[in-house]
Amino acid sequence: RDKRFKIKKQICKTGIYGAQNIGFKFCNYDEWILFWGSDDWVFDNESFDKLFLKIKTLSERNCNCDLAICRAVYYDIKLNKKGRVSSFLDNKESSVINGIKFRQHLISGCSPPHQGTVFGPKSIQKLNKYNHNLKLSADLDYFLKLSRDKLLKVAVIDIDLLYMGSDGVSSKNTIKRLKEVINAYFGEFKYLFWLPLFLRYIRKIRSLIKSKI
């Protein structure tokens, strides 16, 4: 009934990333895109207002960004309990980094929470397709490929944008996810893939320990 919503039927069975490719395909040239799963929901009623006020402020400073990366908070629905915070960088202030810095952070094991990442018009023009053959880690593969652009501008926004369910499909397919993460890193860094892989899981372990303290 709400005319702001449009439904596109997914004809090919290419999974969630195939569905998100449809989102890329049908967006207008000036639109920002945010991809959510069925177990993600907005943090509060003012989250989008805060986010786009930040983006507008950056734009007024001639920092027209390709990506805006916010924080996401895991939530255990069964226990009705917050979990660890998923963020790209640990800093507590909004900042803008270029493609070189973005790639360096990816190499150091950082990975944007894709549910908290808003894709700007310029990033969609540069790369508008996920590898839907990857069922659990196509988002990492996308960010790695996008980071090849040294002129990329990424805004790291100091906002908790959404909750995301902690019992999603990726948490139930650890081995498959690990294999896909290895393939994504190997595709970019060849036999140096072990470095970002090792640093990635060191970060995850630290994050899990921190969330339990």
N, C-alpha and C. Protein backbone atom coordinates (compact mmCIF):
# COMPACT_ATOMS: atom_id res chain seq x y z
N ARG A 1 0.82 -1.21 0.00
CA ARG A 1 0.00 0.00 0.00
C ARG A 1 0.85 1.26 0.00
N ASP A 2 2.03 1.19 0.60
CA ASP A 2 2.92 2.35 0.65
C ASP A 2 3.66 2.46 -0.68
N LYS A 3 3.41 3.53 -1.42
CA LYS A 3 3.96 3.68 -2.77
C LYS A 3 5.48 3.86 -2.79
N ARG A 4 6.09 4.08 -1.63
CA ARG A 4 7.54 4.21 -1.60
C ARG A 4 8.23 2.86 -1.76
N PHE A 5 7.49 1.80 -1.58
CA PHE A 5 8.07 0.46 -1.66
C PHE A 5 7.81 -0.16 -3.03
N LYS A 6 8.84 -0.80 -3.56
CA LYS A 6 8.72 -1.52 -4.83
C LYS A 6 9.25 -2.94 -4.64
N ILE A 7 8.58 -3.89 -5.22
CA ILE A 7 8.98 -5.29 -5.11
C ILE A 7 9.48 -5.78 -6.46
N LYS A 8 10.66 -6.35 -6.47
CA LYS A 8 11.22 -6.94 -7.68
C LYS A 8 11.36 -8.44 -7.46
N LYS A 9 10.79 -9.22 -8.34
CA LYS A 9 10.83 -10.67 -8.20
C LYS A 9 12.21 -11.19 -8.60
N GLN A 10 12.77 -12.05 -7.78
CA GLN A 10 14.06 -12.66 -8.06
C GLN A 10 13.81 -13.96 -8.83
N ILE A 11 14.01 -13.90 -10.14
CA ILE A 11 13.70 -15.06 -10.99
C ILE A 11 14.77 -16.14 -10.85
N CYS A 12 16.05 -15.75 -10.96
CA CYS A 12 17.14 -16.72 -10.85
C CYS A 12 17.44 -17.00 -9.38
N LYS A 13 17.67 -18.26 -9.05
CA LYS A 13 17.95 -18.65 -7.67
C LYS A 13 19.44 -18.47 -7.37
N THR A 14 19.84 -17.22 -7.17
CA THR A 14 21.25 -16.91 -6.94
C THR A 14 21.50 -16.44 -5.51
N GLY A 15 20.56 -16.70 -4.60
CA GLY A 15 20.78 -16.39 -3.20
C GLY A 15 20.66 -14.92 -2.86
N ILE A 16 21.09 -14.58 -1.64
CA ILE A 16 20.92 -13.22 -1.14
C ILE A 16 21.73 -12.20 -1.93
N TYR A 17 22.93 -12.59 -2.37
CA TYR A 17 23.76 -11.64 -3.13
C TYR A 17 23.20 -11.42 -4.53
N GLY A 18 22.55 -12.44 -5.09
CA GLY A 18 21.86 -12.25 -6.36
C GLY A 18 20.71 -11.28 -6.22
N ALA A 19 20.01 -11.36 -5.07
CA ALA A 19 18.92 -10.43 -4.78
C ALA A 19 19.45 -9.01 -4.64
N GLN A 20 20.62 -8.87 -3.99
CA GLN A 20 21.21 -7.55 -3.82
C GLN A 20 21.71 -6.99 -5.15
N ASN A 21 22.11 -7.87 -6.07
CA ASN A 21 22.48 -7.40 -7.41
C ASN A 21 21.29 -6.78 -8.13
N ILE A 22 20.10 -7.32 -7.84
CA ILE A 22 18.88 -6.72 -8.41
C ILE A 22 18.71 -5.30 -7.86
N GLY A 23 19.04 -5.13 -6.57
CA GLY A 23 18.97 -3.80 -5.97
C GLY A 23 19.91 -2.83 -6.66
N PHE A 24 21.14 -3.29 -6.94
CA PHE A 24 22.08 -2.45 -7.69
C PHE A 24 21.50 -2.08 -9.05
N LYS A 25 20.91 -3.05 -9.71
CA LYS A 25 20.45 -2.87 -11.09
C LYS A 25 19.33 -1.85 -11.20
N PHE A 26 18.44 -1.83 -10.23
CA PHE A 26 17.25 -0.99 -10.34
C PHE A 26 17.34 0.34 -9.60
N CYS A 27 18.49 0.63 -8.99
CA CYS A 27 18.61 1.91 -8.30
C CYS A 27 18.83 3.04 -9.31
N ASN A 28 18.43 4.22 -8.93
CA ASN A 28 18.67 5.39 -9.77
C ASN A 28 20.10 5.88 -9.58
N TYR A 29 20.58 6.69 -10.52
CA TYR A 29 21.98 7.12 -10.52
C TYR A 29 22.34 7.97 -9.30
N ASP A 30 21.35 8.58 -8.65
CA ASP A 30 21.64 9.49 -7.54
C ASP A 30 21.24 8.91 -6.18
N GLU A 31 20.94 7.62 -6.14
CA GLU A 31 20.45 7.02 -4.90
C GLU A 31 21.55 6.32 -4.10
N TRP A 32 21.35 6.31 -2.80
CA TRP A 32 22.19 5.53 -1.90
C TRP A 32 21.47 4.23 -1.58
N ILE A 33 22.23 3.15 -1.39
CA ILE A 33 21.62 1.84 -1.14
C ILE A 33 22.12 1.26 0.17
N LEU A 34 21.20 0.67 0.92
CA LEU A 34 21.53 -0.05 2.14
C LEU A 34 20.89 -1.44 2.05
N PHE A 35 21.70 -2.48 2.17
CA PHE A 35 21.21 -3.85 2.08
C PHE A 35 21.01 -4.43 3.48
N TRP A 36 19.81 -4.95 3.73
CA TRP A 36 19.52 -5.59 5.01
C TRP A 36 19.03 -7.01 4.81
N GLY A 37 19.33 -7.85 5.81
CA GLY A 37 18.75 -9.19 5.83
C GLY A 37 17.43 -9.15 6.58
N SER A 38 16.76 -10.29 6.63
CA SER A 38 15.44 -10.35 7.27
C SER A 38 15.53 -10.23 8.79
N ASP A 39 16.75 -10.40 9.35
CA ASP A 39 16.90 -10.30 10.81
C ASP A 39 17.66 -9.04 11.21
N ASP A 40 17.61 -8.02 10.37
CA ASP A 40 18.22 -6.71 10.69
C ASP A 40 17.12 -5.68 10.90
N TRP A 41 17.33 -4.78 11.85
CA TRP A 41 16.35 -3.72 12.03
C TRP A 41 17.02 -2.46 12.57
N VAL A 42 16.40 -1.33 12.27
CA VAL A 42 17.01 -0.04 12.56
C VAL A 42 17.15 0.18 14.06
N PHE A 43 18.24 0.85 14.45
CA PHE A 43 18.58 1.04 15.86
C PHE A 43 17.53 1.88 16.58
N ASP A 44 17.17 3.01 16.00
CA ASP A 44 16.10 3.82 16.56
C ASP A 44 15.48 4.66 15.44
N ASN A 45 14.43 5.39 15.77
CA ASN A 45 13.68 6.13 14.75
C ASN A 45 14.46 7.26 14.11
N GLU A 46 15.55 7.68 14.75
CA GLU A 46 16.30 8.82 14.23
C GLU A 46 17.59 8.40 13.53
N SER A 47 17.83 7.10 13.39
CA SER A 47 19.11 6.61 12.84
C SER A 47 19.38 7.15 11.44
N PHE A 48 18.40 7.06 10.56
CA PHE A 48 18.61 7.51 9.19
C PHE A 48 18.81 9.02 9.12
N ASP A 49 18.07 9.75 9.96
CA ASP A 49 18.24 11.21 10.00
C ASP A 49 19.67 11.58 10.41
N LYS A 50 20.18 10.88 11.42
CA LYS A 50 21.55 11.14 11.89
C LYS A 50 22.56 10.80 10.80
N LEU A 51 22.33 9.67 10.14
CA LEU A 51 23.26 9.21 9.11
C LEU A 51 23.35 10.21 7.96
N PHE A 52 22.20 10.59 7.42
CA PHE A 52 22.24 11.45 6.25
C PHE A 52 22.58 12.90 6.58
N LEU A 53 22.40 13.30 7.83
CA LEU A 53 22.90 14.60 8.25
C LEU A 53 24.44 14.57 8.22
N LYS A 54 25.04 13.46 8.66
CA LYS A 54 26.50 13.30 8.60
C LYS A 54 26.97 13.35 7.16
N ILE A 55 26.28 12.60 6.28
CA ILE A 55 26.67 12.56 4.87
C ILE A 55 26.54 13.94 4.23
N LYS A 56 25.47 14.66 4.57
CA LYS A 56 25.25 16.00 4.03
C LYS A 56 26.35 16.95 4.50
N THR A 57 26.73 16.83 5.79
CA THR A 57 27.79 17.68 6.33
C THR A 57 29.10 17.43 5.61
N LEU A 58 29.43 16.16 5.37
CA LEU A 58 30.65 15.82 4.65
C LEU A 58 30.61 16.36 3.22
N SER A 59 29.43 16.26 2.60
CA SER A 59 29.28 16.75 1.22
C SER A 59 29.52 18.25 1.16
N GLU A 60 29.03 18.98 2.17
CA GLU A 60 29.21 20.44 2.21
C GLU A 60 30.68 20.81 2.40
N ARG A 61 31.48 19.87 2.91
CA ARG A 61 32.92 20.08 3.08
C ARG A 61 33.70 19.54 1.88
N ASN A 62 32.98 19.28 0.78
CA ASN A 62 33.58 18.73 -0.45
C ASN A 62 34.17 17.34 -0.25
N CYS A 63 33.57 16.59 0.68
CA CYS A 63 33.96 15.19 0.89
C CYS A 63 32.82 14.29 0.41
N ASN A 64 32.61 14.27 -0.89
CA ASN A 64 31.55 13.43 -1.46
C ASN A 64 32.02 11.98 -1.45
N CYS A 65 31.41 11.19 -0.61
CA CYS A 65 31.92 9.85 -0.34
C CYS A 65 31.27 8.78 -1.21
N ASP A 66 32.03 7.71 -1.42
CA ASP A 66 31.52 6.55 -2.16
C ASP A 66 30.79 5.58 -1.23
N LEU A 67 31.30 5.44 -0.02
CA LEU A 67 30.70 4.55 0.97
C LEU A 67 30.56 5.29 2.29
N ALA A 68 29.53 4.95 3.05
CA ALA A 68 29.39 5.42 4.43
C ALA A 68 29.25 4.19 5.30
N ILE A 69 30.21 3.99 6.20
CA ILE A 69 30.23 2.78 7.02
C ILE A 69 29.89 3.12 8.46
N CYS A 70 28.81 2.55 8.97
CA CYS A 70 28.38 2.77 10.35
C CYS A 70 28.64 1.50 11.17
N ARG A 71 28.32 1.56 12.45
CA ARG A 71 28.43 0.38 13.31
C ARG A 71 27.13 -0.41 13.31
N ALA A 72 27.24 -1.70 13.53
CA ALA A 72 26.07 -2.56 13.71
C ALA A 72 26.25 -3.34 15.00
N VAL A 73 25.14 -3.63 15.67
CA VAL A 73 25.19 -4.31 16.96
C VAL A 73 24.50 -5.67 16.83
N TYR A 74 25.23 -6.73 17.17
CA TYR A 74 24.62 -8.06 17.18
C TYR A 74 23.59 -8.16 18.29
N TYR A 75 22.53 -8.92 18.01
CA TYR A 75 21.47 -9.06 19.01
C TYR A 75 20.96 -10.50 19.01
N ASP A 76 20.96 -11.10 20.19
CA ASP A 76 20.43 -12.46 20.35
C ASP A 76 18.95 -12.35 20.64
N ILE A 77 18.14 -12.66 19.66
CA ILE A 77 16.69 -12.48 19.80
C ILE A 77 16.12 -13.45 20.85
N LYS A 78 16.64 -14.68 20.89
CA LYS A 78 16.13 -15.68 21.84
C LYS A 78 16.38 -15.24 23.29
N LEU A 79 17.56 -14.68 23.53
CA LEU A 79 17.91 -14.25 24.89
C LEU A 79 17.54 -12.79 25.16
N ASN A 80 17.08 -12.09 24.09
CA ASN A 80 16.75 -10.67 24.20
C ASN A 80 17.92 -9.89 24.78
N LYS A 81 19.09 -10.09 24.15
CA LYS A 81 20.33 -9.53 24.70
C LYS A 81 21.24 -9.00 23.60
N LYS A 82 21.82 -7.82 23.86
CA LYS A 82 22.80 -7.26 22.93
C LYS A 82 24.09 -8.06 22.97
N GLY A 83 24.76 -8.13 21.81
CA GLY A 83 26.04 -8.79 21.74
C GLY A 83 27.14 -7.80 21.38
N ARG A 84 28.15 -8.28 20.69
CA ARG A 84 29.29 -7.43 20.35
C ARG A 84 28.92 -6.42 19.26
N VAL A 85 29.69 -5.35 19.21
CA VAL A 85 29.51 -4.31 18.20
C VAL A 85 30.38 -4.64 17.00
N SER A 86 29.81 -4.59 15.81
CA SER A 86 30.57 -4.81 14.57
C SER A 86 30.87 -3.45 13.95
N SER A 87 32.16 -3.13 13.84
CA SER A 87 32.55 -1.84 13.29
C SER A 87 33.74 -2.02 12.38
N PHE A 88 33.98 -1.02 11.52
CA PHE A 88 35.12 -1.10 10.61
C PHE A 88 36.41 -0.64 11.29
N LEU A 89 36.35 0.50 11.94
CA LEU A 89 37.50 1.04 12.68
C LEU A 89 37.09 1.27 14.13
N ASP A 90 38.05 1.35 15.00
CA ASP A 90 37.77 1.50 16.42
C ASP A 90 37.62 2.95 16.87
N ASN A 91 37.87 3.89 15.94
CA ASN A 91 37.81 5.30 16.35
C ASN A 91 36.39 5.72 16.70
N LYS A 92 36.27 6.70 17.57
CA LYS A 92 34.98 7.14 18.07
C LYS A 92 34.49 8.42 17.40
N GLU A 93 35.18 8.86 16.38
CA GLU A 93 34.75 10.06 15.65
C GLU A 93 34.62 9.73 14.17
N SER A 94 33.70 10.42 13.50
CA SER A 94 33.53 10.23 12.06
C SER A 94 34.77 10.73 11.33
N SER A 95 35.15 10.03 10.28
CA SER A 95 36.33 10.41 9.51
C SER A 95 36.17 9.95 8.07
N VAL A 96 37.01 10.48 7.20
CA VAL A 96 36.99 10.10 5.78
C VAL A 96 38.38 9.59 5.40
N ILE A 97 38.42 8.42 4.77
CA ILE A 97 39.70 7.86 4.32
C ILE A 97 39.65 7.61 2.82
N ASN A 98 40.82 7.55 2.19
CA ASN A 98 40.87 7.31 0.74
C ASN A 98 41.01 5.81 0.46
N GLY A 99 41.06 5.48 -0.82
CA GLY A 99 41.12 4.09 -1.23
C GLY A 99 42.35 3.36 -0.73
N ILE A 100 43.48 4.07 -0.66
CA ILE A 100 44.72 3.45 -0.18
C ILE A 100 44.59 3.05 1.28
N LYS A 101 44.08 3.97 2.10
CA LYS A 101 43.89 3.68 3.52
C LYS A 101 42.84 2.59 3.72
N PHE A 102 41.78 2.64 2.91
CA PHE A 102 40.73 1.64 3.00
C PHE A 102 41.30 0.24 2.74
N ARG A 103 42.13 0.13 1.70
CA ARG A 103 42.74 -1.16 1.37
C ARG A 103 43.70 -1.61 2.47
N GLN A 104 44.44 -0.67 3.02
CA GLN A 104 45.36 -1.01 4.11
C GLN A 104 44.61 -1.58 5.31
N HIS A 105 43.45 -0.99 5.61
CA HIS A 105 42.65 -1.49 6.73
C HIS A 105 42.09 -2.89 6.41
N LEU A 106 41.73 -3.12 5.16
CA LEU A 106 41.25 -4.45 4.77
C LEU A 106 42.37 -5.48 4.92
N ILE A 107 43.59 -5.09 4.55
CA ILE A 107 44.74 -5.99 4.69
C ILE A 107 45.01 -6.28 6.17
N SER A 108 44.75 -5.30 7.03
CA SER A 108 45.00 -5.49 8.46
C SER A 108 43.91 -6.30 9.14
N GLY A 109 42.97 -6.82 8.35
CA GLY A 109 41.94 -7.69 8.90
C GLY A 109 40.62 -7.01 9.20
N CYS A 110 40.54 -5.70 9.00
CA CYS A 110 39.27 -5.00 9.19
C CYS A 110 38.31 -5.37 8.07
N SER A 111 37.04 -5.38 8.39
CA SER A 111 36.03 -5.66 7.36
C SER A 111 34.76 -4.89 7.71
N PRO A 112 34.24 -4.08 6.80
CA PRO A 112 33.03 -3.31 7.11
C PRO A 112 31.84 -4.22 7.37
N PRO A 113 31.02 -3.91 8.37
CA PRO A 113 29.76 -4.66 8.52
C PRO A 113 28.85 -4.29 7.35
N HIS A 114 28.61 -5.23 6.44
CA HIS A 114 27.89 -4.82 5.22
C HIS A 114 26.47 -4.35 5.52
N GLN A 115 25.88 -4.83 6.64
CA GLN A 115 24.55 -4.35 6.98
C GLN A 115 24.57 -2.89 7.42
N GLY A 116 25.74 -2.42 7.86
CA GLY A 116 25.85 -1.03 8.29
C GLY A 116 26.54 -0.14 7.29
N THR A 117 26.72 -0.66 6.05
CA THR A 117 27.40 0.10 5.01
C THR A 117 26.40 0.61 3.98
N VAL A 118 26.42 1.91 3.74
CA VAL A 118 25.54 2.52 2.76
C VAL A 118 26.36 2.83 1.51
N PHE A 119 25.88 2.36 0.38
CA PHE A 119 26.59 2.49 -0.89
C PHE A 119 26.13 3.75 -1.60
N GLY A 120 27.08 4.65 -1.86
CA GLY A 120 26.77 5.89 -2.55
C GLY A 120 26.74 5.72 -4.05
N PRO A 121 26.20 6.71 -4.76
CA PRO A 121 26.09 6.62 -6.23
C PRO A 121 27.42 6.36 -6.93
N LYS A 122 28.51 6.95 -6.43
CA LYS A 122 29.80 6.77 -7.11
C LYS A 122 30.33 5.35 -6.95
N SER A 123 30.13 4.75 -5.78
CA SER A 123 30.61 3.37 -5.59
C SER A 123 29.82 2.41 -6.47
N ILE A 124 28.54 2.69 -6.66
CA ILE A 124 27.70 1.82 -7.50
C ILE A 124 28.12 1.93 -8.96
N GLN A 125 28.51 3.13 -9.37
CA GLN A 125 29.00 3.30 -10.75
C GLN A 125 30.32 2.56 -10.96
N LYS A 126 31.14 2.49 -9.92
CA LYS A 126 32.44 1.83 -10.05
C LYS A 126 32.31 0.31 -10.02
N LEU A 127 31.44 -0.19 -9.17
CA LEU A 127 31.27 -1.64 -9.03
C LEU A 127 29.84 -1.91 -8.56
N ASN A 128 29.05 -2.50 -9.42
CA ASN A 128 27.63 -2.68 -9.11
C ASN A 128 27.18 -4.13 -9.16
N LYS A 129 28.09 -5.01 -8.74
CA LYS A 129 27.72 -6.42 -8.77
C LYS A 129 28.51 -7.22 -7.74
N TYR A 130 27.78 -8.02 -6.97
CA TYR A 130 28.40 -9.00 -6.08
C TYR A 130 28.67 -10.28 -6.87
N ASN A 131 29.66 -11.02 -6.42
CA ASN A 131 29.91 -12.36 -6.96
C ASN A 131 28.93 -13.31 -6.28
N HIS A 132 27.79 -13.59 -6.93
CA HIS A 132 26.76 -14.39 -6.26
C HIS A 132 27.12 -15.86 -6.14
N ASN A 133 28.26 -16.25 -6.71
CA ASN A 133 28.74 -17.62 -6.50
C ASN A 133 29.28 -17.81 -5.09
N LEU A 134 29.61 -16.70 -4.44
CA LEU A 134 29.98 -16.73 -3.02
C LEU A 134 28.70 -16.53 -2.22
N LYS A 135 28.37 -17.48 -1.39
CA LYS A 135 27.08 -17.44 -0.69
C LYS A 135 27.13 -16.72 0.65
N LEU A 136 28.34 -16.59 1.25
CA LEU A 136 28.45 -16.01 2.58
C LEU A 136 29.42 -14.85 2.68
N SER A 137 30.33 -14.71 1.71
CA SER A 137 31.38 -13.69 1.84
C SER A 137 31.54 -12.82 0.60
N ALA A 138 30.49 -12.69 -0.19
CA ALA A 138 30.58 -11.85 -1.39
C ALA A 138 30.75 -10.39 -1.03
N ASP A 139 30.32 -10.00 0.18
CA ASP A 139 30.50 -8.61 0.60
C ASP A 139 31.99 -8.29 0.80
N LEU A 140 32.74 -9.20 1.41
CA LEU A 140 34.18 -9.00 1.57
C LEU A 140 34.85 -8.94 0.20
N ASP A 141 34.47 -9.83 -0.69
CA ASP A 141 35.01 -9.84 -2.05
C ASP A 141 34.74 -8.51 -2.74
N TYR A 142 33.55 -7.96 -2.56
CA TYR A 142 33.17 -6.67 -3.16
C TYR A 142 34.06 -5.55 -2.63
N PHE A 143 34.22 -5.47 -1.31
CA PHE A 143 35.03 -4.40 -0.72
C PHE A 143 36.48 -4.49 -1.16
N LEU A 144 37.01 -5.70 -1.26
CA LEU A 144 38.39 -5.87 -1.71
C LEU A 144 38.58 -5.37 -3.14
N LYS A 145 37.64 -5.69 -4.01
CA LYS A 145 37.73 -5.24 -5.40
C LYS A 145 37.56 -3.71 -5.50
N LEU A 146 36.64 -3.17 -4.71
CA LEU A 146 36.40 -1.73 -4.74
C LEU A 146 37.63 -0.97 -4.22
N SER A 147 38.37 -1.57 -3.31
CA SER A 147 39.53 -0.90 -2.71
C SER A 147 40.70 -0.74 -3.68
N ARG A 148 40.60 -1.32 -4.86
CA ARG A 148 41.64 -1.13 -5.88
C ARG A 148 41.68 0.31 -6.36
N ASP A 149 40.57 1.03 -6.19
CA ASP A 149 40.46 2.42 -6.62
C ASP A 149 41.10 3.33 -5.57
N LYS A 150 42.24 3.91 -5.89
CA LYS A 150 42.97 4.75 -4.95
C LYS A 150 42.23 6.05 -4.65
N LEU A 151 41.34 6.47 -5.57
CA LEU A 151 40.60 7.71 -5.40
C LEU A 151 39.29 7.52 -4.62
N LEU A 152 39.07 6.31 -4.16
CA LEU A 152 37.88 6.01 -3.39
C LEU A 152 37.82 6.88 -2.12
N LYS A 153 36.63 7.30 -1.73
CA LYS A 153 36.44 8.05 -0.49
C LYS A 153 35.44 7.30 0.38
N VAL A 154 35.87 6.97 1.57
CA VAL A 154 35.03 6.18 2.49
C VAL A 154 34.82 6.97 3.77
N ALA A 155 33.57 7.20 4.11
CA ALA A 155 33.23 7.88 5.36
C ALA A 155 32.96 6.83 6.43
N VAL A 156 33.71 6.89 7.52
CA VAL A 156 33.46 6.02 8.67
C VAL A 156 32.64 6.83 9.67
N ILE A 157 31.37 6.47 9.80
CA ILE A 157 30.41 7.29 10.55
C ILE A 157 30.24 6.77 11.97
N ASP A 158 30.32 7.68 12.92
CA ASP A 158 30.20 7.36 14.34
C ASP A 158 28.73 7.25 14.73
N ILE A 159 28.07 6.18 14.22
CA ILE A 159 26.65 5.96 14.51
C ILE A 159 26.41 4.45 14.65
N ASP A 160 25.67 4.05 15.67
CA ASP A 160 25.14 2.69 15.74
C ASP A 160 23.87 2.68 14.90
N LEU A 161 23.96 2.09 13.71
CA LEU A 161 22.84 2.21 12.77
C LEU A 161 21.76 1.17 12.97
N LEU A 162 22.15 -0.08 13.28
CA LEU A 162 21.15 -1.13 13.32
C LEU A 162 21.55 -2.28 14.22
N TYR A 163 20.53 -3.07 14.56
CA TYR A 163 20.74 -4.36 15.19
C TYR A 163 20.72 -5.42 14.10
N MET A 164 21.52 -6.47 14.28
CA MET A 164 21.45 -7.59 13.35
C MET A 164 21.44 -8.89 14.14
N GLY A 165 20.62 -9.82 13.71
CA GLY A 165 20.48 -11.09 14.41
C GLY A 165 21.79 -11.84 14.49
N SER A 166 22.07 -12.41 15.66
CA SER A 166 23.34 -13.14 15.86
C SER A 166 23.23 -14.60 15.46
N ASP A 167 22.05 -15.00 14.99
CA ASP A 167 21.83 -16.41 14.65
C ASP A 167 21.58 -16.58 13.16
N GLY A 168 22.30 -15.79 12.35
CA GLY A 168 22.11 -15.82 10.90
C GLY A 168 22.74 -17.03 10.25
N VAL A 169 22.58 -17.12 8.93
CA VAL A 169 23.05 -18.29 8.19
C VAL A 169 24.56 -18.44 8.24
N SER A 170 25.30 -17.32 8.25
CA SER A 170 26.77 -17.42 8.25
C SER A 170 27.30 -18.01 9.54
N SER A 171 26.57 -17.81 10.66
CA SER A 171 27.02 -18.36 11.94
C SER A 171 26.83 -19.87 12.00
N LYS A 172 26.04 -20.41 11.09
CA LYS A 172 25.77 -21.85 11.07
C LYS A 172 26.61 -22.57 10.01
N ASN A 173 27.37 -21.83 9.24
CA ASN A 173 28.18 -22.43 8.17
C ASN A 173 29.62 -21.92 8.26
N THR A 174 30.22 -22.13 9.43
CA THR A 174 31.54 -21.56 9.71
C THR A 174 32.60 -22.03 8.71
N ILE A 175 32.62 -23.32 8.41
CA ILE A 175 33.64 -23.86 7.52
C ILE A 175 33.49 -23.30 6.11
N LYS A 176 32.25 -23.27 5.62
CA LYS A 176 32.00 -22.72 4.27
C LYS A 176 32.38 -21.25 4.21
N ARG A 177 32.05 -20.51 5.25
CA ARG A 177 32.40 -19.09 5.29
C ARG A 177 33.92 -18.90 5.29
N LEU A 178 34.62 -19.71 6.08
CA LEU A 178 36.08 -19.62 6.14
C LEU A 178 36.69 -19.88 4.76
N LYS A 179 36.18 -20.88 4.06
CA LYS A 179 36.70 -21.19 2.71
C LYS A 179 36.48 -20.02 1.76
N GLU A 180 35.31 -19.38 1.86
CA GLU A 180 35.01 -18.25 0.98
C GLU A 180 35.87 -17.04 1.32
N VAL A 181 36.11 -16.82 2.62
CA VAL A 181 36.98 -15.71 3.04
C VAL A 181 38.39 -15.93 2.50
N ILE A 182 38.88 -17.15 2.59
CA ILE A 182 40.21 -17.48 2.05
C ILE A 182 40.24 -17.22 0.55
N ASN A 183 39.21 -17.65 -0.17
CA ASN A 183 39.16 -17.43 -1.62
C ASN A 183 39.15 -15.94 -1.96
N ALA A 184 38.41 -15.14 -1.17
CA ALA A 184 38.34 -13.70 -1.42
C ALA A 184 39.71 -13.05 -1.22
N TYR A 185 40.38 -13.39 -0.12
CA TYR A 185 41.71 -12.83 0.14
C TYR A 185 42.73 -13.33 -0.89
N PHE A 186 42.64 -14.60 -1.25
CA PHE A 186 43.58 -15.16 -2.22
C PHE A 186 43.41 -14.49 -3.59
N GLY A 187 42.16 -14.16 -3.94
CA GLY A 187 41.90 -13.48 -5.21
C GLY A 187 42.57 -12.13 -5.31
N GLU A 188 42.77 -11.48 -4.17
CA GLU A 188 43.39 -10.15 -4.15
C GLU A 188 44.89 -10.19 -3.85
N PHE A 189 45.29 -11.05 -2.94
CA PHE A 189 46.66 -10.98 -2.43
C PHE A 189 47.49 -12.23 -2.74
N LYS A 190 46.89 -13.20 -3.45
CA LYS A 190 47.58 -14.44 -3.82
C LYS A 190 48.14 -15.12 -2.56
N TYR A 191 49.44 -15.46 -2.57
CA TYR A 191 49.98 -16.27 -1.49
C TYR A 191 50.26 -15.48 -0.21
N LEU A 192 49.93 -14.20 -0.23
CA LEU A 192 49.98 -13.41 1.01
C LEU A 192 48.61 -13.37 1.69
N PHE A 193 47.67 -14.19 1.20
CA PHE A 193 46.31 -14.18 1.74
C PHE A 193 46.27 -14.46 3.24
N TRP A 194 47.27 -15.21 3.74
CA TRP A 194 47.27 -15.62 5.15
C TRP A 194 47.38 -14.43 6.10
N LEU A 195 48.00 -13.32 5.64
CA LEU A 195 48.19 -12.17 6.53
C LEU A 195 46.86 -11.52 6.90
N PRO A 196 46.03 -11.05 5.93
CA PRO A 196 44.74 -10.48 6.32
C PRO A 196 43.83 -11.50 6.98
N LEU A 197 43.96 -12.78 6.56
CA LEU A 197 43.14 -13.84 7.17
C LEU A 197 43.45 -13.98 8.65
N PHE A 198 44.75 -14.07 8.97
CA PHE A 198 45.18 -14.19 10.37
C PHE A 198 44.76 -12.98 11.19
N LEU A 199 44.99 -11.78 10.65
CA LEU A 199 44.66 -10.55 11.38
C LEU A 199 43.15 -10.40 11.55
N ARG A 200 42.39 -10.86 10.56
CA ARG A 200 40.92 -10.80 10.62
C ARG A 200 40.40 -11.56 11.84
N TYR A 201 40.89 -12.78 12.02
CA TYR A 201 40.35 -13.60 13.10
C TYR A 201 40.95 -13.25 14.46
N ILE A 202 42.12 -12.66 14.46
CA ILE A 202 42.63 -12.09 15.71
C ILE A 202 41.71 -10.97 16.17
N ARG A 203 41.29 -10.13 15.23
CA ARG A 203 40.36 -9.04 15.55
C ARG A 203 39.03 -9.60 16.07
N LYS A 204 38.54 -10.64 15.44
CA LYS A 204 37.26 -11.22 15.86
C LYS A 204 37.36 -11.79 17.27
N ILE A 205 38.46 -12.47 17.56
CA ILE A 205 38.65 -13.04 18.90
C ILE A 205 38.71 -11.93 19.94
N ARG A 206 39.47 -10.87 19.65
CA ARG A 206 39.55 -9.74 20.57
C ARG A 206 38.19 -9.11 20.79
N SER A 207 37.40 -8.99 19.71
CA SER A 207 36.08 -8.40 19.80
C SER A 207 35.16 -9.24 20.67
N LEU A 208 35.24 -10.56 20.52
CA LEU A 208 34.41 -11.46 21.32
C LEU A 208 34.78 -11.39 22.80
N ILE A 209 36.09 -11.36 23.06
CA ILE A 209 36.54 -11.25 24.45
C ILE A 209 36.09 -9.93 25.08
N LYS A 210 36.24 -8.86 24.31
CA LYS A 210 35.85 -7.53 24.80
C LYS A 210 34.36 -7.47 25.12
N SER A 211 33.55 -8.13 24.30
CA SER A 211 32.09 -8.06 24.48
C SER A 211 31.65 -8.83 25.72
N LYS A 212 32.49 -9.76 26.19
CA LYS A 212 32.13 -10.56 27.37
C LYS A 212 32.67 -9.97 28.67
N ILE A 213 33.58 -8.99 28.55
CA ILE A 213 34.14 -8.36 29.76
C ILE A 213 33.13 -7.41 30.40
